[in-house]
Amino acid sequence: MATRKFAIAKQLGGKRVITNKGEEIGRLSDIKFNERTGDLEFFLVEPATESKIAANLPRNEEDFIEIPYKAVFAVSDVVVVDETMLV
């Protein structure tokens, strides 16, 4: 049986979020999930002030960028998202 690795949400907080092309978006602040199903929906990212890509992404009422979970490509030392899936 294959072994699965799970990241605890607290360990993800503060990780850098970059695109698959290496451009920085910001830092992971929180995770939104569907309370009914338990499915992850969005990563809430505090935008980097010098990031050109972050400047062009929509923000929620709390000034966070909502990255759809389906855009998350990989999570390790950084969170990598697929740039083509960003709005």
Protein backbone atom coordinates (compact mmCIF):
# COMPACT_ATOMS: atom_id res chain seq x y z
CA MET A 1 0.00 0.00 0.00
CA ALA A 2 1.35 3.45 -0.95
CA THR A 3 2.18 5.88 1.81
CA ARG A 4 0.54 9.31 1.65
CA LYS A 5 2.04 12.48 3.01
CA PHE A 6 -0.23 15.16 4.43
CA ALA A 7 0.70 18.73 5.25
CA ILE A 8 -0.88 20.22 8.34
CA ALA A 9 -2.54 23.52 7.47
CA LYS A 10 -0.64 25.37 10.21
CA GLN A 11 2.64 24.33 8.56
CA LEU A 12 1.53 25.88 5.28
CA GLY A 13 0.93 29.37 6.68
CA GLY A 14 3.52 31.90 5.58
CA LYS A 15 4.88 29.81 2.70
CA ARG A 16 5.82 31.71 -0.45
CA VAL A 17 3.38 31.29 -3.32
CA ILE A 18 4.90 31.33 -6.80
CA THR A 19 3.73 30.53 -10.31
CA ASN A 20 5.01 27.59 -12.32
CA LYS A 21 7.08 30.20 -14.21
CA GLY A 22 8.83 31.26 -10.98
CA GLU A 23 7.06 34.58 -10.42
CA GLU A 24 6.25 35.39 -6.81
CA ILE A 25 2.62 36.11 -5.93
CA GLY A 26 2.85 36.47 -2.16
CA ARG A 27 2.59 34.44 1.05
CA LEU A 28 -0.07 31.92 2.04
CA SER A 29 -2.23 33.36 4.78
CA ASP A 30 -5.19 30.98 5.09
CA ILE A 31 -7.17 28.23 3.40
CA LYS A 32 -10.87 28.32 2.51
CA PHE A 33 -12.79 25.08 2.38
CA ASN A 34 -16.39 24.01 1.85
CA GLU A 35 -17.78 23.32 5.32
CA ARG A 36 -20.41 20.94 3.97
CA THR A 37 -18.14 18.73 1.84
CA GLY A 38 -14.73 19.42 3.40
CA ASP A 39 -13.28 20.16 -0.05
CA LEU A 40 -10.50 22.75 -0.31
CA GLU A 41 -11.65 25.70 -2.40
CA PHE A 42 -9.11 28.53 -2.19
CA PHE A 43 -5.72 29.46 -0.81
CA LEU A 44 -5.82 33.01 0.54
CA VAL A 45 -2.60 34.79 -0.35
CA GLU A 46 -1.23 38.03 1.03
CA PRO A 47 0.10 39.68 -2.13
CA ALA A 48 3.75 40.63 -2.44
CA THR A 49 3.98 44.40 -2.92
CA GLU A 50 6.61 44.16 -5.67
CA SER A 51 4.84 41.39 -7.61
CA LYS A 52 3.58 42.40 -11.07
CA ILE A 53 1.38 39.32 -11.34
CA ALA A 54 -0.18 39.90 -7.89
CA ALA A 55 -0.99 43.48 -8.86
CA ASN A 56 -3.16 42.19 -11.71
CA LEU A 57 -5.09 39.53 -9.76
CA PRO A 58 -8.46 40.30 -8.14
CA ARG A 59 -8.62 40.64 -4.36
CA ASN A 60 -11.35 39.86 -1.88
CA GLU A 61 -12.78 42.33 0.64
CA GLU A 62 -9.88 41.58 3.01
CA ASP A 63 -7.30 42.38 0.28
CA PHE A 64 -6.22 38.74 -0.15
CA ILE A 65 -5.83 37.02 -3.51
CA GLU A 66 -7.98 33.87 -3.71
CA ILE A 67 -6.06 31.17 -5.56
CA PRO A 68 -8.38 28.30 -6.61
CA TYR A 69 -7.21 25.03 -5.10
CA LYS A 70 -7.38 23.39 -8.54
CA ALA A 71 -4.59 25.79 -9.62
CA VAL A 72 -2.21 24.47 -6.94
CA PHE A 73 0.46 22.49 -8.73
CA ALA A 74 2.74 21.50 -5.83
CA VAL A 75 3.40 22.20 -2.15
CA SER A 76 6.85 21.83 -0.63
CA ASP A 77 9.11 24.63 0.59
CA VAL A 78 6.91 26.88 -1.56
CA VAL A 79 3.39 26.65 -3.00
CA VAL A 80 3.48 26.44 -6.79
CA VAL A 81 0.40 27.41 -8.78
CA ASP A 82 -0.39 27.05 -12.47
CA GLU A 83 -0.30 30.57 -13.87
CA THR A 84 -2.75 29.69 -16.67
CA MET A 85 -5.46 28.87 -14.08
CA LEU A 86 -5.35 32.27 -12.38
CA VAL A 87 -8.13 34.72 -13.19
